[in-house]
C-alpha cells in the first residue's frame, strides 16, 4: 500500500523592495521597504509584516526547518 502524501516544509523569506526611475539618467533606484513575507510549503504565511515582527530564527527553524532562498542566511 502506498504511503500518504505529505507537504514538506520549505520556508522562504522574501524582502520587499520599491523602485523608481532616477531622473534623467534612466537608472532605477531601489530601496527596501522594511517589510518581509514568510511563506512555507506547509501553508504558513505571514503576509507582509515589518522585519522587526518576524519570529526568531530559532523558532522558525524549529517549526519549518532551514529556510530556502531567504534573507536569514
PDB file of N, CA and C in Angstrom:
ATOM      1  N   UNK A   1       0.852  -1.181   0.000  1.00  0.00           N
ATOM      2  CA  UNK A   1       0.000   0.000   0.000  1.00  0.00           C
ATOM      3  C   UNK A   1       0.897   1.244   0.000  1.00  0.00           C
ATOM      4  N   UNK A   2       0.621   2.211  -0.876  1.00  0.00           N
ATOM      5  CA  UNK A   2       1.456   3.414  -0.931  1.00  0.00           C
ATOM      6  C   UNK A   2       1.314   4.258   0.333  1.00  0.00           C
ATOM      7  N   UNK A   3       2.360   4.977   0.627  1.00  0.00           N
ATOM      8  CA  UNK A   3       2.362   5.889   1.769  1.00  0.00           C
ATOM      9  C   UNK A   3       1.536   7.135   1.437  1.00  0.00           C
ATOM     10  N   UNK A   4       0.985   7.813   2.454  1.00  0.00           N
ATOM     11  CA  UNK A   4       0.212   9.034   2.201  1.00  0.00           C
ATOM     12  C   UNK A   4       1.119  10.181   1.743  1.00  0.00           C
ATOM     13  N   UNK A   5       0.531  11.084   1.010  1.00  0.00           N
ATOM     14  CA  UNK A   5       1.254  12.274   0.567  1.00  0.00           C
ATOM     15  C   UNK A   5       1.431  13.226   1.747  1.00  0.00           C
ATOM     16  N   UNK A   6       2.552  13.922   1.785  1.00  0.00           N
ATOM     17  CA  UNK A   6       2.806  14.921   2.828  1.00  0.00           C
ATOM     18  C   UNK A   6       3.285  16.215   2.181  1.00  0.00           C
ATOM     19  N   UNK A   7       3.139  17.310   2.889  1.00  0.00           N
ATOM     20  CA  UNK A   7       3.646  18.601   2.412  1.00  0.00           C
ATOM     21  C   UNK A   7       4.867  18.959   3.240  1.00  0.00           C
ATOM     22  N   UNK A   8       6.059  18.785   2.680  1.00  0.00           N
ATOM     23  CA  UNK A   8       7.272  19.079   3.435  1.00  0.00           C
ATOM     24  C   UNK A   8       7.424  20.586   3.652  1.00  0.00           C
ATOM     25  N   UNK A   9       8.114  20.926   4.725  1.00  0.00           N
ATOM     26  CA  UNK A   9       8.404  22.336   4.994  1.00  0.00           C
ATOM     27  C   UNK A   9       9.455  22.832   4.009  1.00  0.00           C
ATOM     28  N   UNK A  10       9.205  23.973   3.417  1.00  0.00           N
ATOM     29  CA  UNK A  10      10.158  24.668   2.548  1.00  0.00           C
ATOM     30  C   UNK A  10       9.954  26.155   2.801  1.00  0.00           C
ATOM     31  N   UNK A  11      10.533  26.649   3.881  1.00  0.00           N
ATOM     32  CA  UNK A  11      10.340  28.044   4.283  1.00  0.00           C
ATOM     33  C   UNK A  11      11.127  28.984   3.380  1.00  0.00           C
ATOM     34  N   UNK A  12      10.456  30.051   2.966  1.00  0.00           N
ATOM     35  CA  UNK A  12      11.104  31.106   2.186  1.00  0.00           C
ATOM     36  C   UNK A  12      10.773  32.443   2.843  1.00  0.00           C
ATOM     37  N   UNK A  13      11.753  33.328   2.815  1.00  0.00           N
ATOM     38  CA  UNK A  13      11.568  34.665   3.378  1.00  0.00           C
ATOM     39  C   UNK A  13      11.867  35.667   2.269  1.00  0.00           C
ATOM     40  N   UNK A  14      10.878  36.471   1.929  1.00  0.00           N
ATOM     41  CA  UNK A  14      11.022  37.462   0.873  1.00  0.00           C
ATOM     42  C   UNK A  14      11.110  38.858   1.485  1.00  0.00           C
ATOM     43  N   UNK A  15      12.024  39.645   0.980  1.00  0.00           N
ATOM     44  CA  UNK A  15      12.200  41.032   1.414  1.00  0.00           C
ATOM     45  C   UNK A  15      11.564  41.930   0.350  1.00  0.00           C
ATOM     46  N   UNK A  16      10.720  42.852   0.771  1.00  0.00           N
ATOM     47  CA  UNK A  16      10.024  43.725  -0.180  1.00  0.00           C
ATOM     48  C   UNK A  16      10.904  44.914  -0.561  1.00  0.00           C
ATOM     49  N   UNK A  17      10.910  45.229  -1.861  1.00  0.00           N
ATOM     50  CA  UNK A  17      11.671  46.358  -2.396  1.00  0.00           C
ATOM     51  C   UNK A  17      10.732  47.299  -3.126  1.00  0.00           C
ATOM     52  N   UNK A  18      11.108  48.564  -3.173  1.00  0.00           N
ATOM     53  CA  UNK A  18      10.404  49.517  -4.018  1.00  0.00           C
ATOM     54  C   UNK A  18      11.442  50.181  -4.910  1.00  0.00           C
ATOM     55  N   UNK A  19      11.017  50.604  -6.102  1.00  0.00           N
ATOM     56  CA  UNK A  19      11.980  51.221  -7.009  1.00  0.00           C
ATOM     57  C   UNK A  19      11.333  52.338  -7.804  1.00  0.00           C
ATOM     58  N   UNK A  20      12.198  53.175  -8.373  1.00  0.00           N
ATOM     59  CA  UNK A  20      11.738  54.299  -9.183  1.00  0.00           C
ATOM     60  C   UNK A  20      12.843  54.685 -10.162  1.00  0.00           C
ATOM     61  N   UNK A  21      12.474  55.314 -11.286  1.00  0.00           N
ATOM     62  CA  UNK A  21      13.495  55.799 -12.214  1.00  0.00           C
ATOM     63  C   UNK A  21      14.269  56.946 -11.569  1.00  0.00           C
ATOM     64  N   UNK A  22      15.559  56.999 -11.835  1.00  0.00           N
ATOM     65  CA  UNK A  22      16.421  58.032 -11.259  1.00  0.00           C
ATOM     66  C   UNK A  22      16.555  59.199 -12.231  1.00  0.00           C
ATOM     67  N   UNK A  23      15.536  60.017 -12.292  1.00  0.00           N
ATOM     68  CA  UNK A  23      15.593  61.231 -13.100  1.00  0.00           C
ATOM     69  C   UNK A  23      16.024  61.000 -14.535  1.00  0.00           C
ATOM     70  N   UNK A  24      16.953  61.834 -15.018  1.00  0.00           N
ATOM     71  CA  UNK A  24      17.369  61.817 -16.418  1.00  0.00           C
ATOM     72  C   UNK A  24      18.314  60.674 -16.758  1.00  0.00           C
ATOM     73  N   UNK A  25      18.971  60.087 -15.775  1.00  0.00           N
ATOM     74  CA  UNK A  25      19.967  59.047 -16.066  1.00  0.00           C
ATOM     75  C   UNK A  25      19.335  57.759 -16.590  1.00  0.00           C
ATOM     76  N   UNK A  26      18.080  57.503 -16.256  1.00  0.00           N
ATOM     77  CA  UNK A  26      17.418  56.290 -16.715  1.00  0.00           C
ATOM     78  C   UNK A  26      17.678  55.071 -15.853  1.00  0.00           C
ATOM     79  N   UNK A  27      18.594  55.158 -14.900  1.00  0.00           N
ATOM     80  CA  UNK A  27      18.866  54.040 -13.990  1.00  0.00           C
ATOM     81  C   UNK A  27      17.741  53.942 -12.973  1.00  0.00           C
ATOM     82  N   UNK A  28      17.492  52.746 -12.489  1.00  0.00           N
ATOM     83  CA  UNK A  28      16.467  52.544 -11.466  1.00  0.00           C
ATOM     84  C   UNK A  28      17.109  52.606 -10.081  1.00  0.00           C
ATOM     85  N   UNK A  29      16.471  53.317  -9.172  1.00  0.00           N
ATOM     86  CA  UNK A  29      16.870  53.310  -7.766  1.00  0.00           C
ATOM     87  C   UNK A  29      16.006  52.278  -7.058  1.00  0.00           C
ATOM     88  N   UNK A  30      16.577  51.589  -6.081  1.00  0.00           N
ATOM     89  CA  UNK A  30      15.813  50.599  -5.313  1.00  0.00           C
ATOM     90  C   UNK A  30      16.154  50.738  -3.840  1.00  0.00           C
ATOM     91  N   UNK A  31      15.165  50.492  -3.003  1.00  0.00           N
ATOM     92  CA  UNK A  31      15.399  50.505  -1.560  1.00  0.00           C
ATOM     93  C   UNK A  31      14.430  49.533  -0.894  1.00  0.00           C
ATOM     94  N   UNK A  32      14.864  48.914   0.221  1.00  0.00           N
ATOM     95  CA  UNK A  32      13.961  48.006   0.936  1.00  0.00           C
ATOM     96  C   UNK A  32      12.876  48.803   1.654  1.00  0.00           C
ATOM     97  N   UNK A  33      11.688  48.203   1.769  1.00  0.00           N
ATOM     98  CA  UNK A  33      10.578  48.869   2.458  1.00  0.00           C
ATOM     99  C   UNK A  33      10.587  48.585   3.955  1.00  0.00           C
ATOM    100  N   UNK A  34      11.387  47.588   4.378  1.00  0.00           N
ATOM    101  CA  UNK A  34      11.387  47.191   5.781  1.00  0.00           C
ATOM    102  C   UNK A  34      10.389  46.084   6.074  1.00  0.00           C
ATOM    103  N   UNK A  35       9.724  45.584   5.029  1.00  0.00           N
ATOM    104  CA  UNK A  35       8.753  44.514   5.221  1.00  0.00           C
ATOM    105  C   UNK A  35       9.270  43.201   4.638  1.00  0.00           C
ATOM    106  N   UNK A  36       8.832  42.100   5.256  1.00  0.00           N
ATOM    107  CA  UNK A  36       9.183  40.760   4.802  1.00  0.00           C
ATOM    108  C   UNK A  36       7.916  39.911   4.737  1.00  0.00           C
ATOM    109  N   UNK A  37       7.974  38.848   3.944  1.00  0.00           N
ATOM    110  CA  UNK A  37       6.863  37.894   3.838  1.00  0.00           C
ATOM    111  C   UNK A  37       7.453  36.506   4.020  1.00  0.00           C
ATOM    112  N   UNK A  38       7.010  35.792   5.049  1.00  0.00           N
ATOM    113  CA  UNK A  38       7.455  34.430   5.310  1.00  0.00           C
ATOM    114  C   UNK A  38       6.404  33.484   4.757  1.00  0.00           C
ATOM    115  N   UNK A  39       6.849  32.498   3.989  1.00  0.00           N
ATOM    116  CA  UNK A  39       5.946  31.591   3.304  1.00  0.00           C
ATOM    117  C   UNK A  39       6.536  30.190   3.323  1.00  0.00           C
ATOM    118  N   UNK A  40       5.746  29.209   3.742  1.00  0.00           N
ATOM    119  CA  UNK A  40       6.212  27.821   3.794  1.00  0.00           C
ATOM    120  C   UNK A  40       5.260  26.936   2.998  1.00  0.00           C
ATOM    121  N   UNK A  41       5.807  25.899   2.433  1.00  0.00           N
ATOM    122  CA  UNK A  41       5.027  24.933   1.667  1.00  0.00           C
ATOM    123  C   UNK A  41       3.930  24.272   2.510  1.00  0.00           C
ATOM    124  N   UNK A  42       4.080  24.264   3.834  1.00  0.00           N
ATOM    125  CA  UNK A  42       3.083  23.639   4.710  1.00  0.00           C
ATOM    126  C   UNK A  42       1.812  24.482   4.837  1.00  0.00           C
ATOM    127  N   UNK A  43       1.843  25.727   4.329  1.00  0.00           N
ATOM    128  CA  UNK A  43       0.677  26.600   4.404  1.00  0.00           C
ATOM    129  C   UNK A  43       0.893  27.829   5.268  1.00  0.00           C
ATOM    130  N   UNK A  44       1.983  27.870   6.025  1.00  0.00           N
ATOM    131  CA  UNK A  44       2.289  29.022   6.879  1.00  0.00           C
ATOM    132  C   UNK A  44       2.590  30.233   6.004  1.00  0.00           C
ATOM    133  N   UNK A  45       1.984  31.363   6.322  1.00  0.00           N
ATOM    134  CA  UNK A  45       2.210  32.598   5.588  1.00  0.00           C
ATOM    135  C   UNK A  45       1.927  33.777   6.508  1.00  0.00           C
ATOM    136  N   UNK A  46       2.846  34.725   6.563  1.00  0.00           N
ATOM    137  CA  UNK A  46       2.651  35.888   7.423  1.00  0.00           C
ATOM    138  C   UNK A  46       2.019  37.054   6.692  1.00  0.00           C
ATOM    139  N   UNK A  47       2.044  37.047   5.360  1.00  0.00           N
ATOM    140  CA  UNK A  47       1.711  38.262   4.637  1.00  0.00           C
ATOM    141  C   UNK A  47       2.855  39.248   4.863  1.00  0.00           C
ATOM    142  N   UNK A  48       2.729  40.458   4.363  1.00  0.00           N
ATOM    143  CA  UNK A  48       3.799  41.447   4.544  1.00  0.00           C
ATOM    144  C   UNK A  48       3.758  41.989   5.969  1.00  0.00           C
ATOM    145  N   UNK A  49       4.864  41.819   6.697  1.00  0.00           N
ATOM    146  CA  UNK A  49       4.994  42.312   8.071  1.00  0.00           C
ATOM    147  C   UNK A  49       6.295  43.088   8.187  1.00  0.00           C
ATOM    148  N   UNK A  50       6.392  43.947   9.190  1.00  0.00           N
ATOM    149  CA  UNK A  50       7.644  44.647   9.448  1.00  0.00           C
ATOM    150  C   UNK A  50       8.715  43.637   9.861  1.00  0.00           C
ATOM    151  N   UNK A  51       9.930  43.848   9.420  1.00  0.00           N
ATOM    152  CA  UNK A  51      11.043  42.935   9.714  1.00  0.00           C
ATOM    153  C   UNK A  51      11.171  42.688  11.214  1.00  0.00           C
ATOM    154  N   UNK A  52      10.915  43.699  12.026  1.00  0.00           N
ATOM    155  CA  UNK A  52      11.032  43.575  13.481  1.00  0.00           C
ATOM    156  C   UNK A  52       9.995  42.613  14.067  1.00  0.00           C
ATOM    157  N   UNK A  53       8.894  42.376  13.372  1.00  0.00           N
ATOM    158  CA  UNK A  53       7.837  41.479  13.846  1.00  0.00           C
ATOM    159  C   UNK A  53       8.098  40.022  13.472  1.00  0.00           C
ATOM    160  N   UNK A  54       9.140  39.786  12.716  1.00  0.00           N
ATOM    161  CA  UNK A  54       9.451  38.435  12.253  1.00  0.00           C
ATOM    162  C   UNK A  54       9.809  37.542  13.434  1.00  0.00           C
ATOM    163  N   UNK A  55       9.298  36.297  13.480  1.00  0.00           N
ATOM    164  CA  UNK A  55       9.688  35.374  14.551  1.00  0.00           C
ATOM    165  C   UNK A  55      11.199  35.143  14.535  1.00  0.00           C
ATOM    166  N   UNK A  56      11.740  34.702  15.651  1.00  0.00           N
ATOM    167  CA  UNK A  56      13.187  34.464  15.729  1.00  0.00           C
ATOM    168  C   UNK A  56      13.592  33.330  14.796  1.00  0.00           C
ATOM    169  N   UNK A  57      14.843  33.349  14.389  1.00  0.00           N
ATOM    170  CA  UNK A  57      15.371  32.284  13.531  1.00  0.00           C
ATOM    171  C   UNK A  57      15.191  30.925  14.202  1.00  0.00           C
ATOM    172  N   UNK A  58      15.472  30.858  15.504  1.00  0.00           N
ATOM    173  CA  UNK A  58      15.358  29.598  16.237  1.00  0.00           C
ATOM    174  C   UNK A  58      13.938  29.043  16.171  1.00  0.00           C
ATOM    175  N   UNK A  59      12.957  29.920  16.366  1.00  0.00           N
ATOM    176  CA  UNK A  59      11.555  29.494  16.318  1.00  0.00           C
ATOM    177  C   UNK A  59      11.180  29.005  14.922  1.00  0.00           C
ATOM    178  N   UNK A  60      11.590  29.740  13.897  1.00  0.00           N
ATOM    179  CA  UNK A  60      11.259  29.353  12.526  1.00  0.00           C
ATOM    180  C   UNK A  60      11.906  28.033  12.136  1.00  0.00           C
ATOM    181  N   UNK A  61      13.174  27.846  12.503  1.00  0.00           N
ATOM    182  CA  UNK A  61      13.869  26.596  12.176  1.00  0.00           C
ATOM    183  C   UNK A  61      13.214  25.424  12.899  1.00  0.00           C
ATOM    184  N   UNK A  62      12.811  25.627  14.161  1.00  0.00           N
ATOM    185  CA  UNK A  62      12.163  24.558  14.922  1.00  0.00           C
ATOM    186  C   UNK A  62      10.826  24.151  14.292  1.00  0.00           C
ATOM    187  N   UNK A  63      10.094  25.119  13.751  1.00  0.00           N
ATOM    188  CA  UNK A  63       8.770  24.835  13.196  1.00  0.00           C
ATOM    189  C   UNK A  63       8.774  24.471  11.711  1.00  0.00           C
ATOM    190  N   UNK A  64       9.767  24.990  10.950  1.00  0.00           N
ATOM    191  CA  UNK A  64       9.729  24.836   9.489  1.00  0.00           C
ATOM    192  C   UNK A  64      11.040  24.362   8.876  1.00  0.00           C
ATOM    193  N   UNK A  65      12.073  24.132   9.658  1.00  0.00           N
ATOM    194  CA  UNK A  65      13.360  23.717   9.112  1.00  0.00           C
ATOM    195  C   UNK A  65      14.151  24.900   8.581  1.00  0.00           C
ATOM    196  N   UNK A  66      15.318  24.601   8.022  1.00  0.00           N
ATOM    197  CA  UNK A  66      16.174  25.664   7.485  1.00  0.00           C
ATOM    198  C   UNK A  66      15.476  26.358   6.316  1.00  0.00           C
ATOM    199  N   UNK A  67      15.507  27.700   6.295  1.00  0.00           N
ATOM    200  CA  UNK A  67      14.851  28.427   5.208  1.00  0.00           C
ATOM    201  C   UNK A  67      15.586  28.256   3.882  1.00  0.00           C
ATOM    202  N   UNK A  68      14.833  28.260   2.796  1.00  0.00           N
ATOM    203  CA  UNK A  68      15.384  28.215   1.445  1.00  0.00           C
ATOM    204  C   UNK A  68      15.296  29.607   0.844  1.00  0.00           C
ATOM    205  N   UNK A  69      16.336  30.062   0.197  1.00  0.00           N
ATOM    206  CA  UNK A  69      16.282  31.327  -0.522  1.00  0.00           C
ATOM    207  C   UNK A  69      15.732  32.460   0.298  1.00  0.00           C
ATOM    208  N   UNK A  70      16.416  32.811   1.382  1.00  0.00           N
ATOM    209  CA  UNK A  70      15.871  33.828   2.264  1.00  0.00           C
ATOM    210  C   UNK A  70      16.926  34.843   2.665  1.00  0.00           C
ATOM    211  N   UNK A  71      16.496  35.856   3.383  1.00  0.00           N
ATOM    212  CA  UNK A  71      17.406  36.866   3.909  1.00  0.00           C
ATOM    213  C   UNK A  71      18.006  36.431   5.234  1.00  0.00           C
ATOM    214  N   UNK A  72      17.646  35.239   5.715  1.00  0.00           N
ATOM    215  CA  UNK A  72      18.098  34.793   7.034  1.00  0.00           C
ATOM    216  C   UNK A  72      19.454  34.106   7.000  1.00  0.00           C
ATOM    217  N   UNK A  73      19.995  33.827   5.840  1.00  0.00           N
ATOM    218  CA  UNK A  73      21.270  33.108   5.757  1.00  0.00           C
ATOM    219  C   UNK A  73      22.426  34.022   5.990  1.00  0.00           C
TER     220      UNK A  73
END
